[in-house]
Amino acid sequence: MAITPSVAGGTTVSIPPLGALQLDSH
């Protein structure tokens, strides 16, 4: 798990090697 500075927020759930889910969580 990691937090990075961002203007838009949101969450990325990465499931290698299958892909990633982008969530407009916050």
PDB file of all heavy atoms in Angstrom:
ATOM      1  N   MET A   1       0.844  -1.185   0.000  1.00  0.00           N
ATOM      2  CA  MET A   1       0.000   0.000   0.000  1.00  0.00           C
ATOM      3  C   MET A   1       0.884   1.243   0.000  1.00  0.00           C
ATOM      4  O   MET A   1       1.917   1.270   0.669  1.00  0.00           O
ATOM      5  CB  MET A   1      -0.922   0.026   1.221  1.00  0.00           C
ATOM      6  CG  MET A   1      -1.947  -1.076   1.259  1.00  0.00           C
ATOM      7  SD  MET A   1      -3.064  -0.899   2.685  1.00  0.00           S
ATOM      8  CE  MET A   1      -4.243  -2.187   2.317  1.00  0.00           C
ATOM      9  N   ALA A   2       0.458   2.249  -0.753  1.00  0.00           N
ATOM     10  CA  ALA A   2       1.261   3.471  -0.834  1.00  0.00           C
ATOM     11  C   ALA A   2       0.346   4.672  -1.001  1.00  0.00           C
ATOM     12  O   ALA A   2      -0.733   4.583  -1.609  1.00  0.00           O
ATOM     13  CB  ALA A   2       2.244   3.402  -2.000  1.00  0.00           C
ATOM     14  N   ILE A   3       0.780   5.796  -0.439  1.00  0.00           N
ATOM     15  CA  ILE A   3       0.114   7.087  -0.619  1.00  0.00           C
ATOM     16  C   ILE A   3       1.068   8.006  -1.368  1.00  0.00           C
ATOM     17  O   ILE A   3       2.247   8.106  -1.013  1.00  0.00           O
ATOM     18  CB  ILE A   3      -0.271   7.719   0.732  1.00  0.00           C
ATOM     19  CG1 ILE A   3      -1.388   6.914   1.408  1.00  0.00           C
ATOM     20  CG2 ILE A   3      -0.737   9.160   0.552  1.00  0.00           C
ATOM     21  CD1 ILE A   3      -1.803   7.463   2.759  1.00  0.00           C
ATOM     22  N   THR A   4       0.556   8.661  -2.400  1.00  0.00           N
ATOM     23  CA  THR A   4       1.358   9.616  -3.166  1.00  0.00           C
ATOM     24  C   THR A   4       0.578  10.914  -3.307  1.00  0.00           C
ATOM     25  O   THR A   4      -0.660  10.897  -3.351  1.00  0.00           O
ATOM     26  CB  THR A   4       1.693   9.067  -4.558  1.00  0.00           C
ATOM     27  OG1 THR A   4       0.480   8.671  -5.221  1.00  0.00           O
ATOM     28  CG2 THR A   4       2.626   7.877  -4.467  1.00  0.00           C
ATOM     29  N   PRO A   5       1.273  12.051  -3.387  1.00  0.00           N
ATOM     30  CA  PRO A   5       0.574  13.326  -3.606  1.00  0.00           C
ATOM     31  C   PRO A   5      -0.180  13.306  -4.927  1.00  0.00           C
ATOM     32  O   PRO A   5       0.314  12.818  -5.941  1.00  0.00           O
ATOM     33  CB  PRO A   5       1.716  14.357  -3.627  1.00  0.00           C
ATOM     34  CG  PRO A   5       2.847  13.704  -2.907  1.00  0.00           C
ATOM     35  CD  PRO A   5       2.725  12.245  -3.206  1.00  0.00           C
ATOM     36  N   SER A   6      -1.388  13.823  -4.914  1.00  0.00           N
ATOM     37  CA  SER A   6      -2.217  13.829  -6.116  1.00  0.00           C
ATOM     38  C   SER A   6      -3.264  14.918  -5.995  1.00  0.00           C
ATOM     39  O   SER A   6      -3.746  15.216  -4.895  1.00  0.00           O
ATOM     40  CB  SER A   6      -2.888  12.464  -6.315  1.00  0.00           C
ATOM     41  OG  SER A   6      -3.846  12.509  -7.340  1.00  0.00           O
ATOM     42  N   VAL A   7      -3.629  15.490  -7.122  1.00  0.00           N
ATOM     43  CA  VAL A   7      -4.678  16.509  -7.136  1.00  0.00           C
ATOM     44  C   VAL A   7      -6.055  15.863  -7.187  1.00  0.00           C
ATOM     45  O   VAL A   7      -6.999  16.306  -6.535  1.00  0.00           O
ATOM     46  CB  VAL A   7      -4.488  17.459  -8.331  1.00  0.00           C
ATOM     47  CG1 VAL A   7      -5.639  18.463  -8.415  1.00  0.00           C
ATOM     48  CG2 VAL A   7      -3.152  18.192  -8.222  1.00  0.00           C
ATOM     49  N   ALA A   8      -6.178  14.769  -7.954  1.00  0.00           N
ATOM     50  CA  ALA A   8      -7.494  14.165  -8.186  1.00  0.00           C
ATOM     51  C   ALA A   8      -7.878  13.133  -7.142  1.00  0.00           C
ATOM     52  O   ALA A   8      -9.054  12.793  -7.030  1.00  0.00           O
ATOM     53  CB  ALA A   8      -7.519  13.519  -9.575  1.00  0.00           C
ATOM     54  N   GLY A   9      -6.933  12.593  -6.370  1.00  0.00           N
ATOM     55  CA  GLY A   9      -7.259  11.546  -5.414  1.00  0.00           C
ATOM     56  C   GLY A   9      -7.480  10.212  -6.111  1.00  0.00           C
ATOM     57  O   GLY A   9      -6.859   9.906  -7.119  1.00  0.00           O
ATOM     58  N   GLY A  10      -8.382   9.379  -5.580  1.00  0.00           N
ATOM     59  CA  GLY A  10      -8.697   8.094  -6.185  1.00  0.00           C
ATOM     60  C   GLY A  10      -7.833   6.967  -5.649  1.00  0.00           C
ATOM     61  O   GLY A  10      -6.902   7.164  -4.867  1.00  0.00           O
ATOM     62  N   THR A  11      -8.176   5.737  -6.100  1.00  0.00           N
ATOM     63  CA  THR A  11      -7.489   4.532  -5.650  1.00  0.00           C
ATOM     64  C   THR A  11      -7.194   3.642  -6.850  1.00  0.00           C
ATOM     65  O   THR A  11      -8.034   3.501  -7.739  1.00  0.00           O
ATOM     66  CB  THR A  11      -8.341   3.748  -4.634  1.00  0.00           C
ATOM     67  OG1 THR A  11      -8.583   4.571  -3.487  1.00  0.00           O
ATOM     68  CG2 THR A  11      -7.639   2.474  -4.185  1.00  0.00           C
ATOM     69  N   THR A  12      -6.010   3.048  -6.869  1.00  0.00           N
ATOM     70  CA  THR A  12      -5.631   2.071  -7.885  1.00  0.00           C
ATOM     71  C   THR A  12      -5.353   0.740  -7.205  1.00  0.00           C
ATOM     72  O   THR A  12      -4.527   0.672  -6.293  1.00  0.00           O
ATOM     73  CB  THR A  12      -4.380   2.526  -8.653  1.00  0.00           C
ATOM     74  OG1 THR A  12      -4.649   3.765  -9.302  1.00  0.00           O
ATOM     75  CG2 THR A  12      -3.982   1.495  -9.696  1.00  0.00           C
ATOM     76  N   VAL A  13      -6.079  -0.303  -7.633  1.00  0.00           N
ATOM     77  CA  VAL A  13      -5.847  -1.652  -7.130  1.00  0.00           C
ATOM     78  C   VAL A  13      -5.184  -2.443  -8.246  1.00  0.00           C
ATOM     79  O   VAL A  13      -5.826  -2.786  -9.241  1.00  0.00           O
ATOM     80  CB  VAL A  13      -7.163  -2.329  -6.692  1.00  0.00           C
ATOM     81  CG1 VAL A  13      -6.887  -3.723  -6.136  1.00  0.00           C
ATOM     82  CG2 VAL A  13      -7.884  -1.478  -5.650  1.00  0.00           C
ATOM     83  N   SER A  14      -3.904  -2.708  -8.120  1.00  0.00           N
ATOM     84  CA  SER A  14      -3.142  -3.425  -9.146  1.00  0.00           C
ATOM     85  C   SER A  14      -3.134  -4.918  -8.829  1.00  0.00           C
ATOM     86  O   SER A  14      -2.867  -5.316  -7.688  1.00  0.00           O
ATOM     87  CB  SER A  14      -1.710  -2.897  -9.208  1.00  0.00           C
ATOM     88  OG  SER A  14      -1.690  -1.523  -9.540  1.00  0.00           O
ATOM     89  N   ILE A  15      -3.428  -5.722  -9.842  1.00  0.00           N
ATOM     90  CA  ILE A  15      -3.480  -7.177  -9.680  1.00  0.00           C
ATOM     91  C   ILE A  15      -2.594  -7.793 -10.760  1.00  0.00           C
ATOM     92  O   ILE A  15      -3.090  -8.312 -11.750  1.00  0.00           O
ATOM     93  CB  ILE A  15      -4.932  -7.697  -9.789  1.00  0.00           C
ATOM     94  CG1 ILE A  15      -5.887  -6.821  -8.970  1.00  0.00           C
ATOM     95  CG2 ILE A  15      -5.034  -9.143  -9.331  1.00  0.00           C
ATOM     96  CD1 ILE A  15      -7.332  -7.093  -9.232  1.00  0.00           C
ATOM     97  N   PRO A  16      -1.284  -7.686 -10.633  1.00  0.00           N
ATOM     98  CA  PRO A  16      -0.412  -8.222 -11.671  1.00  0.00           C
ATOM     99  C   PRO A  16      -0.486  -9.742 -11.709  1.00  0.00           C
ATOM    100  O   PRO A  16      -0.613 -10.381 -10.652  1.00  0.00           O
ATOM    101  CB  PRO A  16       0.972  -7.734 -11.231  1.00  0.00           C
ATOM    102  CG  PRO A  16       0.865  -7.520  -9.762  1.00  0.00           C
ATOM    103  CD  PRO A  16      -0.551  -7.085  -9.514  1.00  0.00           C
ATOM    104  N   PRO A  17      -0.439 -10.354 -12.926  1.00  0.00           N
ATOM    105  CA  PRO A  17      -0.302  -9.713 -14.227  1.00  0.00           C
ATOM    106  C   PRO A  17      -1.634  -9.451 -14.914  1.00  0.00           C
ATOM    107  O   PRO A  17      -1.693  -9.265 -16.114  1.00  0.00           O
ATOM    108  CB  PRO A  17       0.489 -10.761 -15.012  1.00  0.00           C
ATOM    109  CG  PRO A  17      -0.071 -12.058 -14.477  1.00  0.00           C
ATOM    110  CD  PRO A  17      -0.374 -11.822 -13.020  1.00  0.00           C
ATOM    111  N   LEU A  18      -2.721  -9.466 -14.152  1.00  0.00           N
ATOM    112  CA  LEU A  18      -4.052  -9.416 -14.754  1.00  0.00           C
ATOM    113  C   LEU A  18      -4.477  -8.023 -15.153  1.00  0.00           C
ATOM    114  O   LEU A  18      -5.257  -7.847 -16.080  1.00  0.00           O
ATOM    115  CB  LEU A  18      -5.080 -10.005 -13.772  1.00  0.00           C
ATOM    116  CG  LEU A  18      -4.765 -11.416 -13.268  1.00  0.00           C
ATOM    117  CD1 LEU A  18      -5.783 -11.854 -12.249  1.00  0.00           C
ATOM    118  CD2 LEU A  18      -4.709 -12.387 -14.433  1.00  0.00           C
ATOM    119  N   GLY A  19      -4.014  -6.993 -14.468  1.00  0.00           N
ATOM    120  CA  GLY A  19      -4.422  -5.626 -14.779  1.00  0.00           C
ATOM    121  C   GLY A  19      -4.613  -4.811 -13.517  1.00  0.00           C
ATOM    122  O   GLY A  19      -4.040  -5.111 -12.462  1.00  0.00           O
ATOM    123  N   ALA A  20      -5.440  -3.776 -13.609  1.00  0.00           N
ATOM    124  CA  ALA A  20      -5.648  -2.880 -12.473  1.00  0.00           C
ATOM    125  C   ALA A  20      -7.060  -2.335 -12.508  1.00  0.00           C
ATOM    126  O   ALA A  20      -7.673  -2.199 -13.569  1.00  0.00           O
ATOM    127  CB  ALA A  20      -4.647  -1.724 -12.505  1.00  0.00           C
ATOM    128  N   LEU A  21      -7.593  -2.033 -11.315  1.00  0.00           N
ATOM    129  CA  LEU A  21      -8.893  -1.390 -11.167  1.00  0.00           C
ATOM    130  C   LEU A  21      -8.662   0.046 -10.698  1.00  0.00           C
ATOM    131  O   LEU A  21      -7.955   0.282  -9.721  1.00  0.00           O
ATOM    132  CB  LEU A  21      -9.765  -2.131 -10.152  1.00  0.00           C
ATOM    133  CG  LEU A  21     -10.216  -3.539 -10.525  1.00  0.00           C
ATOM    134  CD1 LEU A  21     -11.011  -4.154  -9.379  1.00  0.00           C
ATOM    135  CD2 LEU A  21     -11.039  -3.539 -11.798  1.00  0.00           C
ATOM    136  N   GLN A  22      -9.266   0.995 -11.418  1.00  0.00           N
ATOM    137  CA  GLN A  22      -9.198   2.400 -11.023  1.00  0.00           C
ATOM    138  C   GLN A  22     -10.533   2.762 -10.366  1.00  0.00           C
ATOM    139  O   GLN A  22     -11.597   2.583 -10.962  1.00  0.00           O
ATOM    140  CB  GLN A  22      -8.961   3.290 -12.248  1.00  0.00           C
ATOM    141  CG  GLN A  22      -7.719   2.935 -13.050  1.00  0.00           C
ATOM    142  CD  GLN A  22      -6.441   3.247 -12.321  1.00  0.00           C
ATOM    143  OE1 GLN A  22      -6.420   4.064 -11.400  1.00  0.00           O
ATOM    144  NE2 GLN A  22      -5.345   2.622 -12.738  1.00  0.00           N
ATOM    145  N   LEU A  23     -10.475   3.276  -9.130  1.00  0.00           N
ATOM    146  CA  LEU A  23     -11.675   3.616  -8.379  1.00  0.00           C
ATOM    147  C   LEU A  23     -11.674   5.101  -8.056  1.00  0.00           C
ATOM    148  O   LEU A  23     -10.664   5.637  -7.578  1.00  0.00           O
ATOM    149  CB  LEU A  23     -11.745   2.816  -7.069  1.00  0.00           C
ATOM    150  CG  LEU A  23     -11.633   1.291  -7.180  1.00  0.00           C
ATOM    151  CD1 LEU A  23     -11.632   0.668  -5.795  1.00  0.00           C
ATOM    152  CD2 LEU A  23     -12.756   0.734  -8.024  1.00  0.00           C
ATOM    153  N   ASP A  24     -12.800   5.746  -8.303  1.00  0.00           N
ATOM    154  CA  ASP A  24     -12.970   7.150  -7.911  1.00  0.00           C
ATOM    155  C   ASP A  24     -13.438   7.185  -6.463  1.00  0.00           C
ATOM    156  O   ASP A  24     -14.550   7.584  -6.147  1.00  0.00           O
ATOM    157  CB  ASP A  24     -13.978   7.834  -8.842  1.00  0.00           C
ATOM    158  CG  ASP A  24     -14.098   9.323  -8.570  1.00  0.00           C
ATOM    159  OD1 ASP A  24     -13.189   9.879  -7.923  1.00  0.00           O
ATOM    160  OD2 ASP A  24     -15.108   9.918  -8.992  1.00  0.00           O
ATOM    161  N   SER A  25     -12.559   6.746  -5.562  1.00  0.00           N
ATOM    162  CA  SER A  25     -12.947   6.488  -4.177  1.00  0.00           C
ATOM    163  C   SER A  25     -13.014   7.742  -3.321  1.00  0.00           C
ATOM    164  O   SER A  25     -13.754   7.781  -2.339  1.00  0.00           O
ATOM    165  CB  SER A  25     -11.952   5.507  -3.544  1.00  0.00           C
ATOM    166  OG  SER A  25     -10.631   6.039  -3.616  1.00  0.00           O
ATOM    167  N   HIS A  26     -12.231   8.761  -3.644  1.00  0.00           N
ATOM    168  CA  HIS A  26     -12.200   9.967  -2.810  1.00  0.00           C
ATOM    169  C   HIS A  26     -11.558  11.103  -3.596  1.00  0.00           C
ATOM    170  O   HIS A  26     -10.952  10.896  -4.658  1.00  0.00           O
ATOM    171  CB  HIS A  26     -11.398   9.715  -1.528  1.00  0.00           C
ATOM    172  CG  HIS A  26      -9.949   9.399  -1.788  1.00  0.00           C
ATOM    173  ND1 HIS A  26      -9.514   8.123  -2.073  1.00  0.00           N
ATOM    174  CD2 HIS A  26      -8.838  10.185  -1.821  1.00  0.00           C
ATOM    175  CE1 HIS A  26      -8.203   8.132  -2.274  1.00  0.00           C
ATOM    176  NE2 HIS A  26      -7.772   9.381  -2.129  1.00  0.00           N
TER     177      HIS A  26
END
